[in-house]
Amino acid sequence: MNKYRVLVNCFDRAGAPIPVTWYGNATSPSDAIQKMNHEAQSNGWSVGKIICVQQRKINQEMEVAA
């Protein structure tokens, strides 16, 4: 699982532009875009243009108790 940031131009129900930055965990860039689309639609926004998708890998280190 990786952390993603998706920068998007959305529009509200009245057609006003909204700059949106979506943060979340996803398995791939296309999965991150799909999750962002779902969240934008649940807010009543339409997606205009995807500006960029940035990825940061999650490091999962395990500590061993002695």
N, C-alpha and C. Protein backbone atom coordinates (compact mmCIF):
# COMPACT_ATOMS: atom_id res chain seq x y z
N MET A 1 0.86 -1.17 0.00
CA MET A 1 0.00 0.00 0.00
C MET A 1 0.90 1.23 0.00
N ASN A 2 0.54 2.22 -0.78
CA ASN A 2 1.30 3.46 -0.88
C ASN A 2 0.40 4.64 -0.56
N LYS A 3 1.03 5.72 -0.11
CA LYS A 3 0.30 6.96 0.13
C LYS A 3 0.34 7.78 -1.16
N TYR A 4 -0.80 8.38 -1.48
CA TYR A 4 -0.90 9.19 -2.69
C TYR A 4 -1.46 10.56 -2.37
N ARG A 5 -1.09 11.51 -3.22
CA ARG A 5 -1.68 12.84 -3.21
C ARG A 5 -2.09 13.13 -4.64
N VAL A 6 -3.36 13.48 -4.84
CA VAL A 6 -3.89 13.76 -6.17
C VAL A 6 -4.36 15.21 -6.18
N LEU A 7 -3.80 16.02 -7.09
CA LEU A 7 -4.20 17.41 -7.25
C LEU A 7 -5.16 17.51 -8.43
N VAL A 8 -6.33 18.11 -8.18
CA VAL A 8 -7.42 18.10 -9.15
C VAL A 8 -8.14 19.44 -9.17
N ASN A 9 -8.66 19.81 -10.33
CA ASN A 9 -9.61 20.91 -10.43
C ASN A 9 -11.00 20.31 -10.51
N CYS A 10 -11.85 20.65 -9.55
CA CYS A 10 -13.23 20.16 -9.53
C CYS A 10 -14.18 21.34 -9.69
N PHE A 11 -15.45 21.01 -9.89
CA PHE A 11 -16.50 22.02 -9.98
C PHE A 11 -17.63 21.63 -9.04
N ASP A 12 -18.16 22.63 -8.31
CA ASP A 12 -19.28 22.34 -7.43
C ASP A 12 -20.57 22.31 -8.24
N ARG A 13 -21.70 22.12 -7.56
CA ARG A 13 -22.99 21.99 -8.26
C ARG A 13 -23.37 23.25 -9.03
N ALA A 14 -22.87 24.41 -8.57
CA ALA A 14 -23.16 25.67 -9.24
C ALA A 14 -22.20 25.94 -10.40
N GLY A 15 -21.18 25.09 -10.55
CA GLY A 15 -20.22 25.26 -11.64
C GLY A 15 -18.99 26.06 -11.26
N ALA A 16 -18.88 26.42 -9.97
CA ALA A 16 -17.71 27.18 -9.52
C ALA A 16 -16.51 26.24 -9.38
N PRO A 17 -15.33 26.68 -9.82
CA PRO A 17 -14.14 25.83 -9.72
C PRO A 17 -13.67 25.69 -8.27
N ILE A 18 -13.20 24.49 -7.93
CA ILE A 18 -12.67 24.20 -6.60
C ILE A 18 -11.34 23.48 -6.77
N PRO A 19 -10.24 24.05 -6.27
CA PRO A 19 -8.98 23.30 -6.29
C PRO A 19 -9.01 22.27 -5.16
N VAL A 20 -8.76 21.01 -5.48
CA VAL A 20 -8.86 19.92 -4.50
C VAL A 20 -7.54 19.16 -4.44
N THR A 21 -7.12 18.85 -3.23
CA THR A 21 -5.98 17.96 -3.01
C THR A 21 -6.50 16.78 -2.21
N TRP A 22 -6.44 15.59 -2.81
CA TRP A 22 -6.91 14.37 -2.15
C TRP A 22 -5.70 13.62 -1.62
N TYR A 23 -5.77 13.20 -0.35
CA TYR A 23 -4.72 12.40 0.28
C TYR A 23 -5.31 11.05 0.66
N GLY A 24 -4.59 9.97 0.40
CA GLY A 24 -5.08 8.67 0.82
C GLY A 24 -4.15 7.53 0.44
N ASN A 25 -4.53 6.35 0.89
CA ASN A 25 -3.79 5.13 0.59
C ASN A 25 -4.42 4.44 -0.61
N ALA A 26 -3.58 3.91 -1.48
CA ALA A 26 -4.07 3.20 -2.67
C ALA A 26 -3.00 2.21 -3.12
N THR A 27 -3.40 1.28 -3.96
CA THR A 27 -2.46 0.27 -4.46
C THR A 27 -1.74 0.72 -5.72
N SER A 28 -2.31 1.69 -6.45
CA SER A 28 -1.71 2.17 -7.70
C SER A 28 -2.20 3.58 -7.98
N PRO A 29 -1.56 4.30 -8.92
CA PRO A 29 -2.05 5.63 -9.27
C PRO A 29 -3.49 5.62 -9.78
N SER A 30 -3.85 4.62 -10.57
CA SER A 30 -5.22 4.57 -11.08
C SER A 30 -6.22 4.29 -9.95
N ASP A 31 -5.82 3.52 -8.96
CA ASP A 31 -6.66 3.28 -7.79
C ASP A 31 -6.85 4.57 -7.00
N ALA A 32 -5.78 5.37 -6.86
CA ALA A 32 -5.87 6.65 -6.16
C ALA A 32 -6.83 7.59 -6.89
N ILE A 33 -6.76 7.62 -8.21
CA ILE A 33 -7.66 8.47 -9.00
C ILE A 33 -9.10 8.00 -8.84
N GLN A 34 -9.31 6.70 -8.84
CA GLN A 34 -10.66 6.15 -8.68
C GLN A 34 -11.23 6.51 -7.30
N LYS A 35 -10.42 6.40 -6.25
CA LYS A 35 -10.87 6.75 -4.90
C LYS A 35 -11.17 8.25 -4.81
N MET A 36 -10.31 9.08 -5.42
CA MET A 36 -10.54 10.52 -5.42
C MET A 36 -11.83 10.85 -6.15
N ASN A 37 -12.08 10.21 -7.31
CA ASN A 37 -13.32 10.43 -8.06
C ASN A 37 -14.53 10.09 -7.22
N HIS A 38 -14.48 8.98 -6.51
CA HIS A 38 -15.60 8.55 -5.67
C HIS A 38 -15.87 9.57 -4.57
N GLU A 39 -14.80 10.06 -3.93
CA GLU A 39 -14.98 11.04 -2.86
C GLU A 39 -15.50 12.37 -3.40
N ALA A 40 -15.00 12.80 -4.56
CA ALA A 40 -15.47 14.05 -5.16
C ALA A 40 -16.95 13.95 -5.50
N GLN A 41 -17.37 12.84 -6.09
CA GLN A 41 -18.78 12.66 -6.45
C GLN A 41 -19.66 12.58 -5.21
N SER A 42 -19.16 11.98 -4.12
CA SER A 42 -19.96 11.93 -2.89
C SER A 42 -20.13 13.32 -2.28
N ASN A 43 -19.23 14.26 -2.62
CA ASN A 43 -19.36 15.65 -2.17
C ASN A 43 -20.21 16.48 -3.13
N GLY A 44 -20.64 15.88 -4.24
CA GLY A 44 -21.44 16.61 -5.22
C GLY A 44 -20.61 17.40 -6.21
N TRP A 45 -19.33 17.09 -6.32
CA TRP A 45 -18.45 17.79 -7.25
C TRP A 45 -18.25 16.96 -8.51
N SER A 46 -17.94 17.65 -9.60
CA SER A 46 -17.53 16.95 -10.81
C SER A 46 -16.04 17.24 -11.03
N VAL A 47 -15.32 16.25 -11.52
CA VAL A 47 -13.88 16.38 -11.73
C VAL A 47 -13.63 17.01 -13.09
N GLY A 48 -12.90 18.12 -13.10
CA GLY A 48 -12.59 18.80 -14.35
C GLY A 48 -11.29 18.30 -14.96
N LYS A 49 -10.19 18.45 -14.21
CA LYS A 49 -8.88 18.08 -14.74
C LYS A 49 -8.00 17.57 -13.61
N ILE A 50 -7.34 16.44 -13.85
CA ILE A 50 -6.37 15.91 -12.90
C ILE A 50 -5.03 16.55 -13.21
N ILE A 51 -4.48 17.27 -12.25
CA ILE A 51 -3.23 17.99 -12.47
C ILE A 51 -2.03 17.06 -12.29
N CYS A 52 -1.98 16.31 -11.19
CA CYS A 52 -0.89 15.37 -10.99
C CYS A 52 -1.24 14.36 -9.91
N VAL A 53 -0.52 13.24 -9.94
CA VAL A 53 -0.65 12.19 -8.93
C VAL A 53 0.74 11.95 -8.37
N GLN A 54 0.89 12.13 -7.06
CA GLN A 54 2.19 11.93 -6.41
C GLN A 54 2.10 10.74 -5.47
N GLN A 55 3.19 9.98 -5.39
CA GLN A 55 3.21 8.76 -4.59
C GLN A 55 4.34 8.80 -3.57
N ARG A 56 4.05 8.27 -2.38
CA ARG A 56 5.07 8.09 -1.36
C ARG A 56 4.92 6.70 -0.78
N LYS A 57 5.97 5.94 -0.81
CA LYS A 57 5.92 4.56 -0.32
C LYS A 57 5.89 4.55 1.20
N ILE A 58 5.07 3.65 1.75
CA ILE A 58 4.96 3.50 3.19
C ILE A 58 5.98 2.45 3.64
N ASN A 59 6.84 2.84 4.57
CA ASN A 59 7.80 1.88 5.13
C ASN A 59 7.21 1.28 6.39
N GLN A 60 7.05 -0.01 6.39
CA GLN A 60 6.51 -0.70 7.56
C GLN A 60 7.65 -1.47 8.22
N GLU A 61 8.17 -0.89 9.30
CA GLU A 61 9.24 -1.53 10.03
C GLU A 61 8.66 -2.20 11.27
N MET A 62 9.14 -3.37 11.55
CA MET A 62 8.68 -4.10 12.73
C MET A 62 9.78 -4.10 13.78
N GLU A 63 9.40 -3.82 15.02
CA GLU A 63 10.35 -3.88 16.11
C GLU A 63 10.20 -5.22 16.81
N VAL A 64 11.32 -5.78 17.18
CA VAL A 64 11.31 -7.06 17.89
C VAL A 64 11.63 -6.79 19.35
N ALA A 65 10.72 -7.21 20.23
CA ALA A 65 10.95 -7.03 21.66
C ALA A 65 11.91 -8.09 22.16
N ALA A 66 12.89 -7.67 22.96
CA ALA A 66 13.89 -8.62 23.47
C ALA A 66 13.48 -9.20 24.80
